[in-house]
Amino acid sequence: MNSEGFPSVSAIVVTFLSGPALKECINALCVETEVTEIIVVNNGNKEADNKWLAQFKPPAHCRYEVVGGHGNIGFAAAVNLGARHVTGERYLIINPDAVIRVHSLPALEAARQMGATPCLVGGKLIYPSGQEQRGARRDMLTPSRALATFTGLHKFQRIIPQLRNMHKEHEPEPETPVPMPVVSGALMYISADDYDRINGFDEGYFLHVEDVDFCRRIAEAGGQVMYTPFAVAMHYGSTSQVSATFVEYNKAKGLTRYFHKNANTAFGRLMAKASFYGFAPLLVVRSAIIRSLMQARQALRDLRVKR
């Protein structure tokens, strides 16, 4: 407990070529008096960022440590590595490009106390514009939902109910903390005991889908995943300076692992392995189209400004 009786909170930040958003993330954590410890797991950054991390001086209430030298071991393994260095009663797992809003920690703890044990809590993610971001509220992942979501077929959900979008940001936001099948790994809050109870993250995932797996294992252990709209982080998203192809390739690998791990039959496991060859090109092409559309929209905005 800290001096005010609030559980001690250890923030775990995994960084890889994160850029300037990392500084905002850490400085925002330092404002929160409930955060008594910040552990930065450095999977690899540019020299200037490494120097900043090494020289950073936290406020008196907060212990600070940089864990590095291990290379890029992926997100799941890095969070587990960070967890071996913390001392807090609660873990706040937060992306290096996410800036937590003040007073979010009490809201996360309040929601945690409402859920069955083991309990994991996620909060609201917003774009810099203030609009709710995709990913903080999700249904449990299934092959049909993945296909419907990534291809856009979810637009025909009214005709074919099985074609459900796994993302729920277009649905009315709950006014109170509520159970949620899946929350985002960009902002997660869990007790140290509950984290140990489910053995942390599955390190077989390198990047993406490990948060879905984490939520699923919470439920399978008889616990509950909660979402609270009162805990908020502004999430830049995609600030890591790596290629989109690398990200989407690993997302496809994560989906394949998840479906294989949760298949109930030999045929299901075979189809799960084969799904990689469908998801990988689909996600890469989808990403390229999205980037092209964003660039075209920006070009049009720039043209209007010049006029």
C-alpha atoms as a PDB file:
ATOM      1  CA  MET A   1       0.000   0.000   0.000  1.00  0.00           C
ATOM      2  CA  ASN A   2       1.133   3.553  -0.651  1.00  0.00           C
ATOM      3  CA  SER A   3       0.921   6.334   1.926  1.00  0.00           C
ATOM      4  CA  GLU A   4      -2.764   6.928   1.130  1.00  0.00           C
ATOM      5  CA  GLY A   5      -3.757   3.279   1.474  1.00  0.00           C
ATOM      6  CA  PHE A   6      -4.054   2.628  -2.270  1.00  0.00           C
ATOM      7  CA  PRO A   7      -2.461  -0.616  -3.553  1.00  0.00           C
ATOM      8  CA  SER A   8       1.052  -0.061  -4.886  1.00  0.00           C
ATOM      9  CA  VAL A   9       1.012  -0.044  -8.704  1.00  0.00           C
ATOM     10  CA  SER A  10       3.894  -1.129 -10.906  1.00  0.00           C
ATOM     11  CA  ALA A  11       3.667   0.155 -14.475  1.00  0.00           C
ATOM     12  CA  ILE A  12       5.243  -2.115 -17.102  1.00  0.00           C
ATOM     13  CA  VAL A  13       6.119  -0.390 -20.380  1.00  0.00           C
ATOM     14  CA  VAL A  14       7.511  -2.458 -23.254  1.00  0.00           C
ATOM     15  CA  THR A  15       9.294  -0.312 -25.814  1.00  0.00           C
ATOM     16  CA  PHE A  16      10.701  -1.029 -29.268  1.00  0.00           C
ATOM     17  CA  LEU A  17      11.659   1.858 -31.574  1.00  0.00           C
ATOM     18  CA  SER A  18       8.808   3.757 -29.938  1.00  0.00           C
ATOM     19  CA  GLY A  19       9.839   7.319 -30.762  1.00  0.00           C
ATOM     20  CA  PRO A  20       8.876  10.515 -28.884  1.00  0.00           C
ATOM     21  CA  ALA A  21       5.536   9.167 -27.584  1.00  0.00           C
ATOM     22  CA  LEU A  22       7.516   7.098 -25.077  1.00  0.00           C
ATOM     23  CA  LYS A  23       8.504  10.251 -23.176  1.00  0.00           C
ATOM     24  CA  GLU A  24       4.875  11.354 -22.921  1.00  0.00           C
ATOM     25  CA  CYS A  25       3.884   7.918 -21.666  1.00  0.00           C
ATOM     26  CA  ILE A  26       6.460   7.842 -18.872  1.00  0.00           C
ATOM     27  CA  ASN A  27       5.959  11.457 -17.809  1.00  0.00           C
ATOM     28  CA  ALA A  28       2.199  10.885 -17.556  1.00  0.00           C
ATOM     29  CA  LEU A  29       2.777   7.818 -15.363  1.00  0.00           C
ATOM     30  CA  CYS A  30       4.950   9.891 -13.044  1.00  0.00           C
ATOM     31  CA  VAL A  31       2.041  12.274 -12.420  1.00  0.00           C
ATOM     32  CA  GLU A  32      -0.027   9.430 -10.977  1.00  0.00           C
ATOM     33  CA  THR A  33       0.837   9.136  -7.279  1.00  0.00           C
ATOM     34  CA  GLU A  34      -0.659   5.617  -7.244  1.00  0.00           C
ATOM     35  CA  VAL A  35       2.146   4.482  -9.579  1.00  0.00           C
ATOM     36  CA  THR A  36       4.970   3.608  -7.214  1.00  0.00           C
ATOM     37  CA  GLU A  37       7.169   1.901  -9.790  1.00  0.00           C
ATOM     38  CA  ILE A  38       7.873   2.136 -13.514  1.00  0.00           C
ATOM     39  CA  ILE A  39       9.650  -0.736 -15.236  1.00  0.00           C
ATOM     40  CA  VAL A  40      10.642  -0.036 -18.833  1.00  0.00           C
ATOM     41  CA  VAL A  41      11.480  -3.193 -20.769  1.00  0.00           C
ATOM     42  CA  ASN A  42      13.681  -2.016 -23.604  1.00  0.00           C
ATOM     43  CA  ASN A  43      13.374  -4.391 -26.547  1.00  0.00           C
ATOM     44  CA  GLY A  44      15.436  -1.946 -28.626  1.00  0.00           C
ATOM     45  CA  ASN A  45      15.409   1.789 -29.331  1.00  0.00           C
ATOM     46  CA  LYS A  46      17.444   4.407 -31.118  1.00  0.00           C
ATOM     47  CA  GLU A  47      20.516   5.656 -29.278  1.00  0.00           C
ATOM     48  CA  ALA A  48      18.955   9.023 -28.433  1.00  0.00           C
ATOM     49  CA  ASP A  49      15.967   7.313 -26.787  1.00  0.00           C
ATOM     50  CA  ASN A  50      18.217   4.882 -24.921  1.00  0.00           C
ATOM     51  CA  LYS A  51      20.167   7.834 -23.581  1.00  0.00           C
ATOM     52  CA  TRP A  52      16.973   9.585 -22.459  1.00  0.00           C
ATOM     53  CA  LEU A  53      15.772   6.428 -20.700  1.00  0.00           C
ATOM     54  CA  ALA A  54      19.114   6.029 -18.928  1.00  0.00           C
ATOM     55  CA  GLN A  55      19.155   9.635 -17.717  1.00  0.00           C
ATOM     56  CA  PHE A  56      15.483   9.949 -16.761  1.00  0.00           C
ATOM     57  CA  LYS A  57      14.877  10.950 -13.140  1.00  0.00           C
ATOM     58  CA  PRO A  58      11.494   9.915 -11.703  1.00  0.00           C
ATOM     59  CA  PRO A  59       9.714  11.756  -8.855  1.00  0.00           C
ATOM     60  CA  ALA A  60      10.429  10.736  -5.273  1.00  0.00           C
ATOM     61  CA  HIS A  61       7.328   8.548  -4.942  1.00  0.00           C
ATOM     62  CA  CYS A  62       8.245   6.341  -7.892  1.00  0.00           C
ATOM     63  CA  ARG A  63      10.971   3.739  -8.366  1.00  0.00           C
ATOM     64  CA  TYR A  64      12.267   3.523 -11.934  1.00  0.00           C
ATOM     65  CA  GLU A  65      14.190   0.785 -13.721  1.00  0.00           C
ATOM     66  CA  VAL A  66      15.135   0.066 -17.319  1.00  0.00           C
ATOM     67  CA  VAL A  67      15.512  -3.604 -18.204  1.00  0.00           C
ATOM     68  CA  GLY A  68      17.515  -4.035 -21.398  1.00  0.00           C
ATOM     69  CA  GLY A  69      20.183  -5.913 -23.272  1.00  0.00           C
ATOM     70  CA  HIS A  70      17.968  -8.850 -24.214  1.00  0.00           C
ATOM     71  CA  GLY A  71      17.051  -7.727 -27.763  1.00  0.00           C
ATOM     72  CA  ASN A  72      13.582  -7.802 -29.270  1.00  0.00           C
ATOM     73  CA  ILE A  73      11.951 -10.741 -27.523  1.00  0.00           C
ATOM     74  CA  GLY A  74       8.402  -9.735 -28.401  1.00  0.00           C
ATOM     75  CA  PHE A  75       5.656  -8.135 -26.336  1.00  0.00           C
ATOM     76  CA  ALA A  76       4.447 -11.137 -24.315  1.00  0.00           C
ATOM     77  CA  ALA A  77       7.903 -12.247 -23.211  1.00  0.00           C
ATOM     78  CA  ALA A  78       8.870  -8.650 -22.436  1.00  0.00           C
ATOM     79  CA  VAL A  79       5.848  -8.103 -20.160  1.00  0.00           C
ATOM     80  CA  ASN A  80       6.693 -11.327 -18.318  1.00  0.00           C
ATOM     81  CA  LEU A  81      10.297 -10.155 -18.007  1.00  0.00           C
ATOM     82  CA  GLY A  82       9.123  -6.842 -16.592  1.00  0.00           C
ATOM     83  CA  ALA A  83       6.867  -8.644 -14.126  1.00  0.00           C
ATOM     84  CA  ARG A  84       9.914 -10.406 -12.699  1.00  0.00           C
ATOM     85  CA  HIS A  85      11.390  -7.010 -11.791  1.00  0.00           C
ATOM     86  CA  VAL A  86       8.378  -5.399 -10.123  1.00  0.00           C
ATOM     87  CA  THR A  87       7.349  -5.247  -6.473  1.00  0.00           C
ATOM     88  CA  GLY A  88       3.851  -3.715  -6.655  1.00  0.00           C
ATOM     89  CA  GLU A  89       0.551  -5.257  -5.628  1.00  0.00           C
ATOM     90  CA  ARG A  90      -0.996  -4.278  -8.977  1.00  0.00           C
ATOM     91  CA  TYR A  91       0.395  -4.294 -12.516  1.00  0.00           C
ATOM     92  CA  LEU A  92      -0.464  -1.599 -15.033  1.00  0.00           C
ATOM     93  CA  ILE A  93       0.542  -2.830 -18.475  1.00  0.00           C
ATOM     94  CA  ILE A  94       0.592   0.136 -20.830  1.00  0.00           C
ATOM     95  CA  ASN A  95       1.880   0.720 -24.358  1.00  0.00           C
ATOM     96  CA  PRO A  96       4.761   3.165 -24.836  1.00  0.00           C
ATOM     97  CA  ASP A  97       2.563   5.280 -27.120  1.00  0.00           C
ATOM     98  CA  ALA A  98      -0.309   5.510 -24.624  1.00  0.00           C
ATOM     99  CA  VAL A  99      -0.711   8.514 -22.320  1.00  0.00           C
ATOM    100  CA  ILE A 100      -2.824   7.756 -19.278  1.00  0.00           C
ATOM    101  CA  ARG A 101      -5.388  10.327 -18.123  1.00  0.00           C
ATOM    102  CA  VAL A 102      -5.261  11.529 -14.524  1.00  0.00           C
ATOM    103  CA  HIS A 103      -7.398   9.673 -11.967  1.00  0.00           C
ATOM    104  CA  SER A 104      -7.550   6.529 -14.128  1.00  0.00           C
ATOM    105  CA  LEU A 105      -5.874   4.280 -11.541  1.00  0.00           C
ATOM    106  CA  PRO A 106      -8.669   4.561  -8.919  1.00  0.00           C
ATOM    107  CA  ALA A 107     -11.203   3.795 -11.679  1.00  0.00           C
ATOM    108  CA  LEU A 108      -9.273   0.679 -12.701  1.00  0.00           C
ATOM    109  CA  GLU A 109      -9.045  -0.516  -9.100  1.00  0.00           C
ATOM    110  CA  ALA A 110     -12.754   0.105  -8.516  1.00  0.00           C
ATOM    111  CA  ALA A 111     -13.639  -1.974 -11.579  1.00  0.00           C
ATOM    112  CA  ARG A 112     -11.251  -4.721 -10.476  1.00  0.00           C
ATOM    113  CA  GLN A 113     -13.066  -5.034  -7.171  1.00  0.00           C
ATOM    114  CA  MET A 114     -16.332  -5.579  -9.058  1.00  0.00           C
ATOM    115  CA  GLY A 115     -15.096  -8.577 -11.062  1.00  0.00           C
ATOM    116  CA  ALA A 116     -14.648 -12.235 -10.219  1.00  0.00           C
ATOM    117  CA  THR A 117     -11.107 -13.385  -9.409  1.00  0.00           C
ATOM    118  CA  PRO A 118      -8.815 -13.594 -11.315  1.00  0.00           C
ATOM    119  CA  CYS A 119      -9.811 -10.219 -12.682  1.00  0.00           C
ATOM    120  CA  LEU A 120      -8.332  -8.201 -15.520  1.00  0.00           C
ATOM    121  CA  VAL A 121      -9.442  -4.624 -16.246  1.00  0.00           C
ATOM    122  CA  GLY A 122      -9.126  -2.585 -19.404  1.00  0.00           C
ATOM    123  CA  GLY A 123      -9.936   1.046 -20.013  1.00  0.00           C
ATOM    124  CA  LYS A 124     -11.021   3.345 -22.804  1.00  0.00           C
ATOM    125  CA  LEU A 125      -8.539   4.190 -25.556  1.00  0.00           C
ATOM    126  CA  ILE A 126      -8.944   7.390 -27.522  1.00  0.00           C
ATOM    127  CA  TYR A 127      -7.266   8.952 -30.545  1.00  0.00           C
ATOM    128  CA  PRO A 128      -5.562  12.343 -30.130  1.00  0.00           C
ATOM    129  CA  SER A 129      -8.804  13.783 -31.543  1.00  0.00           C
ATOM    130  CA  GLY A 130     -10.711  12.392 -28.560  1.00  0.00           C
ATOM    131  CA  GLN A 131     -12.650   9.813 -30.585  1.00  0.00           C
ATOM    132  CA  GLU A 132     -12.852   6.314 -29.131  1.00  0.00           C
ATOM    133  CA  GLN A 133     -10.250   4.032 -30.638  1.00  0.00           C
ATOM    134  CA  ARG A 134     -10.784   0.538 -31.933  1.00  0.00           C
ATOM    135  CA  GLY A 135      -9.670  -2.404 -29.807  1.00  0.00           C
ATOM    136  CA  ALA A 136     -10.472  -1.498 -26.212  1.00  0.00           C
ATOM    137  CA  ARG A 137     -13.855  -3.276 -26.352  1.00  0.00           C
ATOM    138  CA  ARG A 138     -13.989  -6.578 -28.243  1.00  0.00           C
ATOM    139  CA  ASP A 139     -15.903  -9.820 -28.523  1.00  0.00           C
ATOM    140  CA  MET A 140     -14.013 -13.069 -28.081  1.00  0.00           C
ATOM    141  CA  LEU A 141     -12.083 -13.980 -31.194  1.00  0.00           C
ATOM    142  CA  THR A 142     -13.353 -16.751 -33.485  1.00  0.00           C
ATOM    143  CA  PRO A 143     -12.358 -17.627 -37.066  1.00  0.00           C
ATOM    144  CA  SER A 144     -15.632 -16.268 -38.449  1.00  0.00           C
ATOM    145  CA  ARG A 145     -15.319 -12.996 -36.517  1.00  0.00           C
ATOM    146  CA  ALA A 146     -11.713 -12.583 -37.608  1.00  0.00           C
ATOM    147  CA  LEU A 147     -12.683 -13.112 -41.240  1.00  0.00           C
ATOM    148  CA  ALA A 148     -15.683 -10.785 -41.001  1.00  0.00           C
ATOM    149  CA  THR A 149     -13.652  -8.079 -39.247  1.00  0.00           C
ATOM    150  CA  PHE A 150     -10.577  -8.100 -41.470  1.00  0.00           C
ATOM    151  CA  THR A 151     -12.454  -8.368 -44.770  1.00  0.00           C
ATOM    152  CA  GLY A 152     -15.245  -5.903 -43.979  1.00  0.00           C
ATOM    153  CA  LEU A 153     -17.892  -8.618 -44.342  1.00  0.00           C
ATOM    154  CA  HIS A 154     -19.250  -7.580 -40.932  1.00  0.00           C
ATOM    155  CA  LYS A 155     -21.177  -4.906 -42.828  1.00  0.00           C
ATOM    156  CA  PHE A 156     -23.561  -7.700 -43.828  1.00  0.00           C
ATOM    157  CA  GLN A 157     -24.142  -8.771 -40.224  1.00  0.00           C
ATOM    158  CA  ARG A 158     -27.837  -7.900 -40.350  1.00  0.00           C
ATOM    159  CA  ILE A 159     -28.280 -10.380 -43.181  1.00  0.00           C
ATOM    160  CA  ILE A 160     -25.862 -13.024 -41.891  1.00  0.00           C
ATOM    161  CA  PRO A 161     -25.602 -12.791 -38.055  1.00  0.00           C
ATOM    162  CA  GLN A 162     -22.484 -14.983 -38.021  1.00  0.00           C
ATOM    163  CA  LEU A 163     -20.545 -12.200 -39.742  1.00  0.00           C
ATOM    164  CA  ARG A 164     -20.006 -10.231 -36.545  1.00  0.00           C
ATOM    165  CA  ASN A 165     -17.404  -7.551 -36.102  1.00  0.00           C
ATOM    166  CA  MET A 166     -15.274  -8.416 -33.080  1.00  0.00           C
ATOM    167  CA  HIS A 167     -14.708  -4.694 -32.379  1.00  0.00           C
ATOM    168  CA  LYS A 168     -17.388  -2.890 -30.368  1.00  0.00           C
ATOM    169  CA  GLU A 169     -16.386   0.790 -30.498  1.00  0.00           C
ATOM    170  CA  HIS A 170     -19.347   1.537 -32.775  1.00  0.00           C
ATOM    171  CA  GLU A 171     -21.754   0.208 -30.154  1.00  0.00           C
ATOM    172  CA  PRO A 172     -23.026   2.497 -27.376  1.00  0.00           C
ATOM    173  CA  GLU A 173     -20.403   2.810 -24.686  1.00  0.00           C
ATOM    174  CA  PRO A 174     -21.419   1.481 -21.257  1.00  0.00           C
ATOM    175  CA  GLU A 175     -21.961   4.103 -18.571  1.00  0.00           C
ATOM    176  CA  THR A 176     -20.477   1.956 -15.795  1.00  0.00           C
ATOM    177  CA  PRO A 177     -17.815  -0.760 -15.523  1.00  0.00           C
ATOM    178  CA  VAL A 178     -19.054  -3.922 -17.255  1.00  0.00           C
ATOM    179  CA  PRO A 179     -17.776  -7.401 -18.079  1.00  0.00           C
ATOM    180  CA  MET A 180     -16.106  -7.465 -21.507  1.00  0.00           C
ATOM    181  CA  PRO A 181     -14.839 -10.559 -23.364  1.00  0.00           C
ATOM    182  CA  VAL A 182     -11.629  -8.869 -24.541  1.00  0.00           C
ATOM    183  CA  VAL A 183      -9.812  -5.633 -23.670  1.00  0.00           C
ATOM    184  CA  SER A 184      -6.672  -4.183 -25.223  1.00  0.00           C
ATOM    185  CA  GLY A 185      -3.108  -5.003 -24.227  1.00  0.00           C
ATOM    186  CA  ALA A 186      -2.382  -1.293 -24.637  1.00  0.00           C
ATOM    187  CA  LEU A 187      -3.982  -0.684 -21.219  1.00  0.00           C
ATOM    188  CA  MET A 188      -4.413  -3.544 -18.761  1.00  0.00           C
ATOM    189  CA  TYR A 189      -4.653  -3.609 -14.967  1.00  0.00           C
ATOM    190  CA  ILE A 190      -4.360  -6.743 -12.857  1.00  0.00           C
ATOM    191  CA  SER A 191      -3.244  -7.776  -9.383  1.00  0.00           C
ATOM    192  CA  ALA A 192       0.155  -9.426  -9.005  1.00  0.00           C
ATOM    193  CA  ASP A 193      -1.529 -12.510  -7.509  1.00  0.00           C
ATOM    194  CA  ASP A 194      -3.931 -12.875 -10.442  1.00  0.00           C
ATOM    195  CA  TYR A 195      -1.132 -12.390 -12.965  1.00  0.00           C
ATOM    196  CA  ASP A 196       0.836 -15.201 -11.329  1.00  0.00           C
ATOM    197  CA  ARG A 197      -2.273 -17.367 -11.070  1.00  0.00           C
ATOM    198  CA  ILE A 198      -2.592 -17.584 -14.855  1.00  0.00           C
ATOM    199  CA  ASN A 199       1.190 -17.629 -15.424  1.00  0.00           C
ATOM    200  CA  GLY A 200       1.332 -14.279 -17.194  1.00  0.00           C
ATOM    201  CA  PHE A 201       1.343 -13.928 -20.957  1.00  0.00           C
ATOM    202  CA  ASP A 202       1.854 -16.826 -23.364  1.00  0.00           C
ATOM    203  CA  GLU A 203       5.320 -16.193 -24.785  1.00  0.00           C
ATOM    204  CA  GLY A 204       4.491 -18.191 -27.887  1.00  0.00           C
ATOM    205  CA  TYR A 205       2.968 -14.952 -29.225  1.00  0.00           C
ATOM    206  CA  PHE A 206       5.487 -12.420 -30.495  1.00  0.00           C
ATOM    207  CA  LEU A 207       3.302  -9.459 -31.413  1.00  0.00           C
ATOM    208  CA  HIS A 208      -0.519  -9.255 -31.442  1.00  0.00           C
ATOM    209  CA  VAL A 209      -3.248 -11.625 -30.203  1.00  0.00           C
ATOM    210  CA  GLU A 210      -1.423 -12.247 -26.901  1.00  0.00           C
ATOM    211  CA  ASP A 211      -3.936  -9.907 -25.235  1.00  0.00           C
ATOM    212  CA  VAL A 212      -6.875 -11.908 -26.610  1.00  0.00           C
ATOM    213  CA  ASP A 213      -5.287 -15.107 -25.327  1.00  0.00           C
ATOM    214  CA  PHE A 214      -4.686 -13.469 -21.932  1.00  0.00           C
ATOM    215  CA  CYS A 215      -8.354 -12.465 -21.649  1.00  0.00           C
ATOM    216  CA  ARG A 216      -9.493 -15.926 -22.670  1.00  0.00           C
ATOM    217  CA  ARG A 217      -7.344 -17.586 -20.008  1.00  0.00           C
ATOM    218  CA  ILE A 218      -8.706 -15.220 -17.362  1.00  0.00           C
ATOM    219  CA  ALA A 219     -12.223 -16.442 -18.194  1.00  0.00           C
ATOM    220  CA  GLU A 220     -11.138 -20.094 -18.362  1.00  0.00           C
ATOM    221  CA  ALA A 221      -9.676 -19.747 -14.855  1.00  0.00           C
ATOM    222  CA  GLY A 222     -13.130 -18.760 -13.595  1.00  0.00           C
ATOM    223  CA  GLY A 223     -12.339 -15.058 -13.504  1.00  0.00           C
ATOM    224  CA  GLN A 224     -13.677 -12.025 -15.293  1.00  0.00           C
ATOM    225  CA  VAL A 225     -12.463  -9.371 -17.699  1.00  0.00           C
ATOM    226  CA  MET A 226     -13.876  -5.910 -16.976  1.00  0.00           C
ATOM    227  CA  TYR A 227     -14.017  -2.707 -18.994  1.00  0.00           C
ATOM    228  CA  THR A 228     -14.352   0.709 -17.393  1.00  0.00           C
ATOM    229  CA  PRO A 229     -15.095   3.894 -19.336  1.00  0.00           C
ATOM    230  CA  PHE A 230     -13.694   5.933 -16.423  1.00  0.00           C
ATOM    231  CA  ALA A 231     -10.072   4.938 -17.044  1.00  0.00           C
ATOM    232  CA  VAL A 232      -8.758   6.539 -20.222  1.00  0.00           C
ATOM    233  CA  ALA A 233      -5.528   6.637 -22.184  1.00  0.00           C
ATOM    234  CA  MET A 234      -4.806   8.642 -25.299  1.00  0.00           C
ATOM    235  CA  HIS A 235      -3.235   6.109 -27.647  1.00  0.00           C
ATOM    236  CA  TYR A 236      -1.277   7.336 -30.634  1.00  0.00           C
ATOM    237  CA  GLY A 237      -1.006   3.856 -32.161  1.00  0.00           C
ATOM    238  CA  SER A 238       1.512   2.550 -34.711  1.00  0.00           C
ATOM    239  CA  THR A 239       4.345   4.791 -33.521  1.00  0.00           C
ATOM    240  CA  SER A 240       6.914   1.996 -33.500  1.00  0.00           C
ATOM    241  CA  GLN A 241       9.248   2.486 -36.446  1.00  0.00           C
ATOM    242  CA  VAL A 242       8.865  -0.955 -38.009  1.00  0.00           C
ATOM    243  CA  SER A 243       7.377  -1.979 -41.326  1.00  0.00           C
ATOM    244  CA  ALA A 244       3.657  -2.627 -41.585  1.00  0.00           C
ATOM    245  CA  THR A 245       4.444  -5.948 -43.274  1.00  0.00           C
ATOM    246  CA  PHE A 246       6.395  -7.075 -40.185  1.00  0.00           C
ATOM    247  CA  VAL A 247       3.473  -6.149 -37.933  1.00  0.00           C
ATOM    248  CA  GLU A 248       0.815  -7.839 -40.075  1.00  0.00           C
ATOM    249  CA  TYR A 249       2.951 -10.959 -40.561  1.00  0.00           C
ATOM    250  CA  ASN A 250       3.221 -11.373 -36.805  1.00  0.00           C
ATOM    251  CA  LYS A 251      -0.484 -10.665 -36.387  1.00  0.00           C
ATOM    252  CA  ALA A 252      -1.208 -13.533 -38.791  1.00  0.00           C
ATOM    253  CA  LYS A 253       1.133 -15.786 -36.822  1.00  0.00           C
ATOM    254  CA  GLY A 254      -0.657 -14.796 -33.627  1.00  0.00           C
ATOM    255  CA  LEU A 255      -4.065 -15.595 -35.084  1.00  0.00           C
ATOM    256  CA  THR A 256      -2.810 -18.963 -36.292  1.00  0.00           C
ATOM    257  CA  ARG A 257      -1.402 -19.827 -32.865  1.00  0.00           C
ATOM    258  CA  TYR A 258      -4.586 -18.740 -31.128  1.00  0.00           C
ATOM    259  CA  PHE A 259      -6.892 -20.793 -33.350  1.00  0.00           C
ATOM    260  CA  HIS A 260      -4.604 -23.826 -33.179  1.00  0.00           C
ATOM    261  CA  LYS A 261      -4.312 -23.580 -29.402  1.00  0.00           C
ATOM    262  CA  ASN A 262      -8.088 -23.432 -28.949  1.00  0.00           C
ATOM    263  CA  ALA A 263      -9.177 -25.921 -31.622  1.00  0.00           C
ATOM    264  CA  ASN A 264     -11.065 -28.927 -30.256  1.00  0.00           C
ATOM    265  CA  THR A 265     -10.318 -31.427 -33.022  1.00  0.00           C
ATOM    266  CA  ALA A 266      -7.354 -32.589 -35.096  1.00  0.00           C
ATOM    267  CA  PHE A 267      -9.064 -31.214 -38.207  1.00  0.00           C
ATOM    268  CA  GLY A 268      -9.593 -27.889 -36.463  1.00  0.00           C
ATOM    269  CA  ARG A 269      -5.913 -27.701 -35.547  1.00  0.00           C
ATOM    270  CA  LEU A 270      -4.956 -28.530 -39.128  1.00  0.00           C
ATOM    271  CA  MET A 271      -7.236 -25.802 -40.476  1.00  0.00           C
ATOM    272  CA  ALA A 272      -5.820 -23.373 -37.903  1.00  0.00           C
ATOM    273  CA  LYS A 273      -2.287 -23.948 -39.183  1.00  0.00           C
ATOM    274  CA  ALA A 274      -3.465 -23.559 -42.775  1.00  0.00           C
ATOM    275  CA  SER A 275      -5.227 -20.293 -41.890  1.00  0.00           C
ATOM    276  CA  PHE A 276      -1.866 -18.493 -41.755  1.00  0.00           C
ATOM    277  CA  TYR A 277      -1.643 -18.656 -45.552  1.00  0.00           C
ATOM    278  CA  GLY A 278      -4.983 -16.905 -45.801  1.00  0.00           C
ATOM    279  CA  PHE A 279      -4.584 -14.335 -43.028  1.00  0.00           C
ATOM    280  CA  ALA A 280      -1.021 -13.248 -43.824  1.00  0.00           C
ATOM    281  CA  PRO A 281      -1.670 -11.942 -47.362  1.00  0.00           C
ATOM    282  CA  LEU A 282      -5.110 -10.639 -46.350  1.00  0.00           C
ATOM    283  CA  LEU A 283      -3.697  -8.546 -43.502  1.00  0.00           C
ATOM    284  CA  VAL A 284      -0.729  -7.259 -45.510  1.00  0.00           C
ATOM    285  CA  VAL A 285      -2.939  -6.179 -48.430  1.00  0.00           C
ATOM    286  CA  ARG A 286      -5.529  -4.696 -46.065  1.00  0.00           C
ATOM    287  CA  SER A 287      -2.830  -2.676 -44.308  1.00  0.00           C
ATOM    288  CA  ALA A 288      -1.488  -1.379 -47.619  1.00  0.00           C
ATOM    289  CA  ILE A 289      -4.963  -0.287 -48.735  1.00  0.00           C
ATOM    290  CA  ILE A 290      -5.611   1.495 -45.424  1.00  0.00           C
ATOM    291  CA  ARG A 291      -2.262   3.310 -45.631  1.00  0.00           C
ATOM    292  CA  SER A 292      -2.955   4.353 -49.227  1.00  0.00           C
ATOM    293  CA  LEU A 293      -6.375   5.720 -48.314  1.00  0.00           C
ATOM    294  CA  MET A 294      -4.927   7.638 -45.365  1.00  0.00           C
ATOM    295  CA  GLN A 295      -2.216   9.143 -47.572  1.00  0.00           C
ATOM    296  CA  ALA A 296      -4.796  10.113 -50.195  1.00  0.00           C
ATOM    297  CA  ARG A 297      -6.984  11.811 -47.585  1.00  0.00           C
ATOM    298  CA  GLN A 298      -3.997  13.687 -46.200  1.00  0.00           C
ATOM    299  CA  ALA A 299      -3.025  14.820 -49.708  1.00  0.00           C
ATOM    300  CA  LEU A 300      -6.546  16.150 -50.256  1.00  0.00           C
ATOM    301  CA  ARG A 301      -6.451  18.018 -46.933  1.00  0.00           C
ATOM    302  CA  ASP A 302      -3.078  19.533 -47.826  1.00  0.00           C
ATOM    303  CA  LEU A 303      -4.422  20.574 -51.219  1.00  0.00           C
ATOM    304  CA  ARG A 304      -7.412  22.314 -49.609  1.00  0.00           C
ATOM    305  CA  VAL A 305      -5.109  24.179 -47.221  1.00  0.00           C
ATOM    306  CA  LYS A 306      -2.940  25.408 -50.113  1.00  0.00           C
ATOM    307  CA  ARG A 307      -6.018  26.707 -51.910  1.00  0.00           C
END
